[in-house]
Amino acid sequence: MGTLYLVATPIGNLEDMSPRAIRVLREASLIAAEDTRHTGILLKHFQIETPLTSYFEHNKLNKLDLILEKLSTGDVALVSDAGTPAVNDPGYELVQAALASAYDVRPVPGPSAPIAALTVSGLPTDSFLYLGYLPHKTSERHKRLVEVESQPYTLVFLESPYRIVEALEDIATILGDRRICVAREMTKMFEEYWRGNVSGAAKYFKSQPPRGEFTLVVEGKKAEAGERWTEEQIQHAIADELKGEKSAKEISAELAKQSGWNKKEIYALINQNKP
């Protein structure tokens, strides 16, 4: 029995292709690709001659039997157009079907646009919420943003150049003028990172024709003055503070001013978090 490998491929710069990814693609009996023409260029560059079959949004269910049959005699590699397969790309149903048929499913880790943008955003990375592409329709986009407005986690979205300005304006209206990092064309020739507030980002990208693929990293909701933090929020803050050199007494005093919790409560939680 074969193994289904989910192989991450570059999001732009071909130097990000890992040696293991190249080996797995060469040794597989079949590569299932979101776009065989796009992947064909990648395979030609790395001199990989493994047979290709298409596996995309509109044929993914029809291709399950073919891929499962191929797994019965050898390994199959799944790739998307760029980045890690099954993250906002076809793959979830194939993984489910392979597991249900008792095949092994393994990742070949590598590039991922949401993670890449998050790590360089300058915003908190300890907890985040990935939401993929915002809905195309304005009313549905508003609804999605309202659903996450109160979340304290850093928010990560994908967006196309055709809706980037509208999306930024809607984020400013519903989430408020939060801090944001807009990552454009990551690892490619015209790579750009815009950091500031959402209103500034909307103004900047409105002033010039936006091009390329965008990843938006937006600050989570901050507790308002006088609003008591949730236990999850205070625990996260304590964990961050414990990474430094401050004493429990200093941490308790500082967080008490911000969180609405009293110093004794915070001190007790600090002692629980200590190894």
Protein backbone atom coordinates (compact mmCIF):
# COMPACT_ATOMS: atom_id res chain seq x y z
CA MET A 1 0.00 0.00 0.00
CA GLY A 2 1.17 3.47 -0.85
CA THR A 3 1.30 6.70 1.13
CA LEU A 4 -0.44 9.96 0.27
CA TYR A 5 2.08 12.79 0.63
CA LEU A 6 0.94 16.41 0.91
CA VAL A 7 3.90 18.24 -0.59
CA ALA A 8 4.41 21.96 0.01
CA THR A 9 5.80 23.86 -2.98
CA PRO A 10 7.20 27.41 -3.30
CA ILE A 11 4.84 30.39 -3.09
CA GLY A 12 7.15 32.27 -5.44
CA ASN A 13 10.87 31.69 -5.04
CA LEU A 14 11.92 28.30 -6.41
CA GLU A 15 14.86 28.23 -4.00
CA ASP A 16 12.31 27.43 -1.27
CA MET A 17 11.71 23.97 -2.73
CA SER A 18 13.07 21.46 -0.22
CA PRO A 19 15.31 18.49 -1.18
CA ARG A 20 12.78 16.15 0.44
CA ALA A 21 9.92 17.61 -1.63
CA ILE A 22 11.92 17.02 -4.81
CA ARG A 23 12.71 13.43 -3.80
CA VAL A 24 9.11 12.59 -2.87
CA LEU A 25 7.80 14.01 -6.15
CA ARG A 26 10.37 12.01 -8.10
CA GLU A 27 9.64 8.75 -6.29
CA ALA A 28 5.81 8.98 -6.31
CA SER A 29 3.89 6.95 -8.86
CA LEU A 30 1.53 9.86 -9.49
CA ILE A 31 1.30 13.59 -8.71
CA ALA A 32 -2.17 15.06 -8.22
CA ALA A 33 -1.92 18.77 -9.07
CA GLU A 34 -4.34 21.66 -8.79
CA ASP A 35 -3.16 22.93 -12.20
CA THR A 36 -1.12 20.47 -14.26
CA ARG A 37 0.25 23.23 -16.52
CA HIS A 38 1.47 25.28 -13.56
CA THR A 39 2.93 22.25 -11.78
CA GLY A 40 4.42 21.02 -15.06
CA ILE A 41 6.66 24.10 -15.15
CA LEU A 42 7.83 23.36 -11.61
CA LEU A 43 8.54 19.71 -12.41
CA LYS A 44 10.45 20.63 -15.57
CA HIS A 45 12.64 23.02 -13.59
CA PHE A 46 13.60 20.27 -11.13
CA GLN A 47 13.78 17.56 -13.83
CA ILE A 48 10.95 15.51 -12.31
CA GLU A 49 9.20 13.19 -14.77
CA THR A 50 6.49 11.66 -12.56
CA PRO A 51 3.06 11.37 -14.27
CA LEU A 52 0.54 14.14 -13.48
CA THR A 53 -3.21 14.15 -13.03
CA SER A 54 -5.40 17.16 -12.35
CA TYR A 55 -7.06 17.53 -8.96
CA PHE A 56 -8.90 20.82 -8.52
CA GLU A 57 -12.07 22.26 -7.03
CA HIS A 58 -14.45 21.12 -9.79
CA ASN A 59 -13.19 17.56 -10.30
CA LYS A 60 -11.86 16.66 -6.84
CA LEU A 61 -14.72 14.29 -5.99
CA ASN A 62 -14.62 12.56 -9.38
CA LYS A 63 -10.87 11.92 -9.05
CA LEU A 64 -11.01 10.21 -5.65
CA ASP A 65 -11.44 6.67 -7.00
CA LEU A 66 -8.57 7.09 -9.47
CA ILE A 67 -6.18 8.36 -6.80
CA LEU A 68 -7.20 5.74 -4.26
CA GLU A 69 -6.66 3.03 -6.86
CA LYS A 70 -3.19 4.42 -7.54
CA LEU A 71 -2.46 4.40 -3.80
CA SER A 72 -3.12 0.67 -3.74
CA THR A 73 0.09 0.10 -5.73
CA GLY A 74 2.30 3.08 -4.86
CA ASP A 75 2.76 6.53 -3.36
CA VAL A 76 0.81 9.57 -4.54
CA ALA A 77 1.87 13.18 -4.02
CA LEU A 78 -0.66 16.01 -3.77
CA VAL A 79 0.44 19.55 -4.64
CA SER A 80 -1.40 22.86 -4.96
CA ASP A 81 -0.43 25.75 -7.20
CA ALA A 82 1.67 27.21 -4.39
CA GLY A 83 2.31 26.59 -0.71
CA THR A 84 0.90 23.83 1.45
CA PRO A 85 -1.90 21.67 -0.06
CA ALA A 86 -5.30 21.42 1.66
CA VAL A 87 -4.88 24.85 3.31
CA ASN A 88 -7.44 26.86 1.36
CA ASP A 89 -6.81 24.54 -1.59
CA PRO A 90 -8.34 21.19 -2.65
CA GLY A 91 -7.19 18.28 -0.52
CA TYR A 92 -9.43 17.88 2.49
CA GLU A 93 -11.74 15.35 0.82
CA LEU A 94 -8.79 13.36 -0.54
CA VAL A 95 -7.16 13.19 2.89
CA GLN A 96 -10.46 12.00 4.41
CA ALA A 97 -10.92 9.35 1.71
CA ALA A 98 -7.34 8.08 2.02
CA LEU A 99 -7.60 7.79 5.80
CA ALA A 100 -10.97 6.06 5.53
CA SER A 101 -9.36 3.52 3.20
CA ALA A 102 -6.54 2.92 5.73
CA TYR A 103 -3.81 4.59 3.68
CA ASP A 104 -1.03 6.48 5.41
CA VAL A 105 -1.13 10.28 4.94
CA ARG A 106 2.01 12.32 5.60
CA PRO A 107 3.06 15.95 5.18
CA VAL A 108 6.15 17.20 3.42
CA PRO A 109 6.28 20.60 5.14
CA GLY A 110 7.40 23.78 3.46
CA PRO A 111 6.16 27.20 2.33
CA SER A 112 2.81 28.53 3.56
CA ALA A 113 1.64 32.06 2.78
CA PRO A 114 -0.43 32.55 5.97
CA ILE A 115 2.42 31.44 8.26
CA ALA A 116 5.04 33.40 6.32
CA ALA A 117 3.02 36.62 6.57
CA LEU A 118 2.16 36.07 10.23
CA THR A 119 5.78 35.60 11.28
CA VAL A 120 6.96 38.90 9.74
CA SER A 121 3.87 40.94 10.57
CA GLY A 122 5.09 42.31 13.89
CA LEU A 123 1.77 41.26 15.45
CA PRO A 124 1.30 38.57 18.16
CA THR A 125 1.96 35.07 16.84
CA ASP A 126 1.21 32.98 19.94
CA SER A 127 -2.46 32.59 18.98
CA PHE A 128 -4.05 33.38 15.64
CA LEU A 129 -7.16 32.65 13.60
CA TYR A 130 -6.77 31.79 9.91
CA LEU A 131 -9.90 32.55 7.86
CA GLY A 132 -8.82 32.06 4.25
CA TYR A 133 -10.38 34.32 1.63
CA LEU A 134 -13.04 36.77 2.74
CA PRO A 135 -16.38 36.26 0.93
CA HIS A 136 -16.79 38.03 -2.42
CA LYS A 137 -20.21 39.55 -1.67
CA THR A 138 -20.20 42.63 0.53
CA SER A 139 -23.03 41.45 2.78
CA GLU A 140 -21.36 38.06 3.40
CA ARG A 141 -17.99 39.72 3.97
CA HIS A 142 -19.56 42.00 6.57
CA LYS A 143 -21.14 39.00 8.27
CA ARG A 144 -17.82 37.13 8.46
CA LEU A 145 -16.05 40.16 9.93
CA VAL A 146 -18.79 40.68 12.52
CA GLU A 147 -18.35 37.02 13.56
CA VAL A 148 -14.68 37.60 14.47
CA GLU A 149 -14.86 41.21 15.66
CA SER A 150 -14.62 40.26 19.36
CA GLN A 151 -11.84 37.68 18.97
CA PRO A 152 -8.57 38.57 20.77
CA TYR A 153 -6.51 36.49 18.33
CA THR A 154 -4.44 37.85 15.46
CA LEU A 155 -6.53 37.40 12.29
CA VAL A 156 -5.10 36.15 8.99
CA PHE A 157 -6.95 36.56 5.68
CA LEU A 158 -6.15 36.01 2.01
CA GLU A 159 -7.34 38.49 -0.59
CA SER A 160 -7.13 39.10 -4.34
CA PRO A 161 -6.02 42.39 -5.94
CA TYR A 162 -9.57 42.91 -7.24
CA ARG A 163 -11.11 43.23 -3.78
CA ILE A 164 -8.21 44.33 -1.58
CA VAL A 165 -9.34 47.95 -1.19
CA GLU A 166 -12.97 46.98 -0.47
CA ALA A 167 -11.80 44.38 2.03
CA LEU A 168 -9.56 46.87 3.84
CA GLU A 169 -12.35 49.45 4.00
CA ASP A 170 -14.76 46.85 5.41
CA ILE A 171 -12.18 45.71 7.97
CA ALA A 172 -11.71 49.33 9.10
CA THR A 173 -15.48 49.85 9.36
CA ILE A 174 -16.31 46.64 11.25
CA LEU A 175 -13.15 45.75 13.17
CA GLY A 176 -11.93 49.29 13.68
CA ASP A 177 -8.65 50.96 12.76
CA ARG A 178 -6.43 48.18 14.05
CA ARG A 179 -2.80 47.46 13.30
CA ILE A 180 -2.26 45.46 10.14
CA CYS A 181 0.45 43.96 7.97
CA VAL A 182 -0.40 43.61 4.28
CA ALA A 183 1.93 41.12 2.60
CA ARG A 184 2.00 41.24 -1.21
CA GLU A 185 3.75 38.91 -3.65
CA MET A 186 5.76 37.19 -0.93
CA THR A 187 9.15 35.79 -2.01
CA LYS A 188 8.61 37.15 -5.55
CA MET A 189 10.26 40.00 -7.45
CA PHE A 190 7.81 42.69 -6.31
CA GLU A 191 7.58 41.49 -2.70
CA GLU A 192 6.13 44.15 -0.39
CA TYR A 193 5.08 44.46 3.25
CA TRP A 194 2.93 47.39 4.37
CA ARG A 195 2.63 47.84 8.13
CA GLY A 196 0.50 50.38 9.93
CA ASN A 197 -3.22 50.90 10.59
CA VAL A 198 -6.03 49.55 8.41
CA SER A 199 -7.19 53.01 7.29
CA GLY A 200 -3.67 53.83 6.12
CA ALA A 201 -3.43 50.55 4.23
CA ALA A 202 -6.75 51.22 2.44
CA LYS A 203 -5.54 54.69 1.44
CA TYR A 204 -2.17 53.37 0.26
CA PHE A 205 -3.53 50.58 -1.93
CA LYS A 206 -6.29 52.83 -3.27
CA SER A 207 -3.67 55.25 -4.58
CA GLN A 208 -2.09 52.69 -6.92
CA PRO A 209 -3.34 49.71 -8.92
CA PRO A 210 -2.94 46.75 -6.54
CA ARG A 211 -1.28 43.73 -8.14
CA GLY A 212 -0.46 40.23 -6.99
CA GLU A 213 -1.75 38.05 -4.20
CA PHE A 214 -2.32 39.51 -0.75
CA THR A 215 -2.19 38.12 2.78
CA LEU A 216 -3.63 40.34 5.52
CA VAL A 217 -2.56 39.98 9.14
CA VAL A 218 -4.84 41.98 11.44
CA GLU A 219 -4.50 42.70 15.15
CA GLY A 220 -7.00 40.96 17.43
CA LYS A 221 -9.41 42.91 19.58
CA LYS A 222 -7.86 44.60 22.58
CA ALA A 223 -9.71 44.76 25.87
CA GLU A 224 -11.26 48.19 26.35
CA ALA A 225 -10.38 50.31 29.33
CA GLY A 226 -12.15 48.96 32.39
CA GLU A 227 -13.15 45.74 30.61
CA ARG A 228 -12.08 42.61 32.46
CA TRP A 229 -10.02 40.23 30.36
CA THR A 230 -11.11 36.65 29.92
CA GLU A 231 -9.08 33.98 31.70
CA GLU A 232 -7.67 32.90 28.34
CA GLN A 233 -6.44 36.46 27.66
CA ILE A 234 -4.81 36.84 31.07
CA GLN A 235 -3.18 33.41 30.78
CA HIS A 236 -1.69 34.36 27.40
CA ALA A 237 -0.41 37.65 28.82
CA ILE A 238 1.16 35.86 31.80
CA ALA A 239 2.84 33.32 29.52
CA ASP A 240 4.35 36.15 27.45
CA GLU A 241 5.59 38.03 30.54
CA LEU A 242 7.16 34.91 32.03
CA LYS A 243 9.47 34.71 29.02
CA GLY A 244 11.22 37.84 30.33
CA GLU A 245 13.15 38.67 33.48
CA LYS A 246 10.35 40.31 35.49
CA SER A 247 9.40 39.00 38.91
CA ALA A 248 5.93 37.62 39.67
CA LYS A 249 5.25 40.72 41.76
CA GLU A 250 6.14 43.06 38.87
CA ILE A 251 4.07 41.08 36.36
CA SER A 252 1.07 41.04 38.71
CA ALA A 253 1.22 44.81 39.22
CA GLU A 254 1.53 45.62 35.52
CA LEU A 255 -1.17 43.23 34.30
CA ALA A 256 -3.57 44.32 37.05
CA LYS A 257 -3.55 47.84 35.57
CA GLN A 258 -4.46 46.55 32.12
CA SER A 259 -6.70 43.55 32.67
CA GLY A 260 -9.29 44.33 35.33
CA TRP A 261 -7.95 41.40 37.40
CA ASN A 262 -6.54 42.11 40.85
CA LYS A 263 -2.90 41.47 41.74
CA LYS A 264 -3.63 38.51 44.03
CA GLU A 265 -5.57 36.67 41.31
CA ILE A 266 -2.79 37.23 38.77
CA TYR A 267 -0.09 36.24 41.26
CA ALA A 268 -1.90 32.96 41.92
CA LEU A 269 -2.13 32.24 38.18
CA ILE A 270 1.59 33.02 37.76
CA ASN A 271 2.46 30.43 40.39
CA GLN A 272 0.28 27.90 38.56
CA ASN A 273 2.16 28.60 35.31
CA LYS A 274 5.62 28.27 36.79
CA PRO A 275 7.37 24.94 36.06
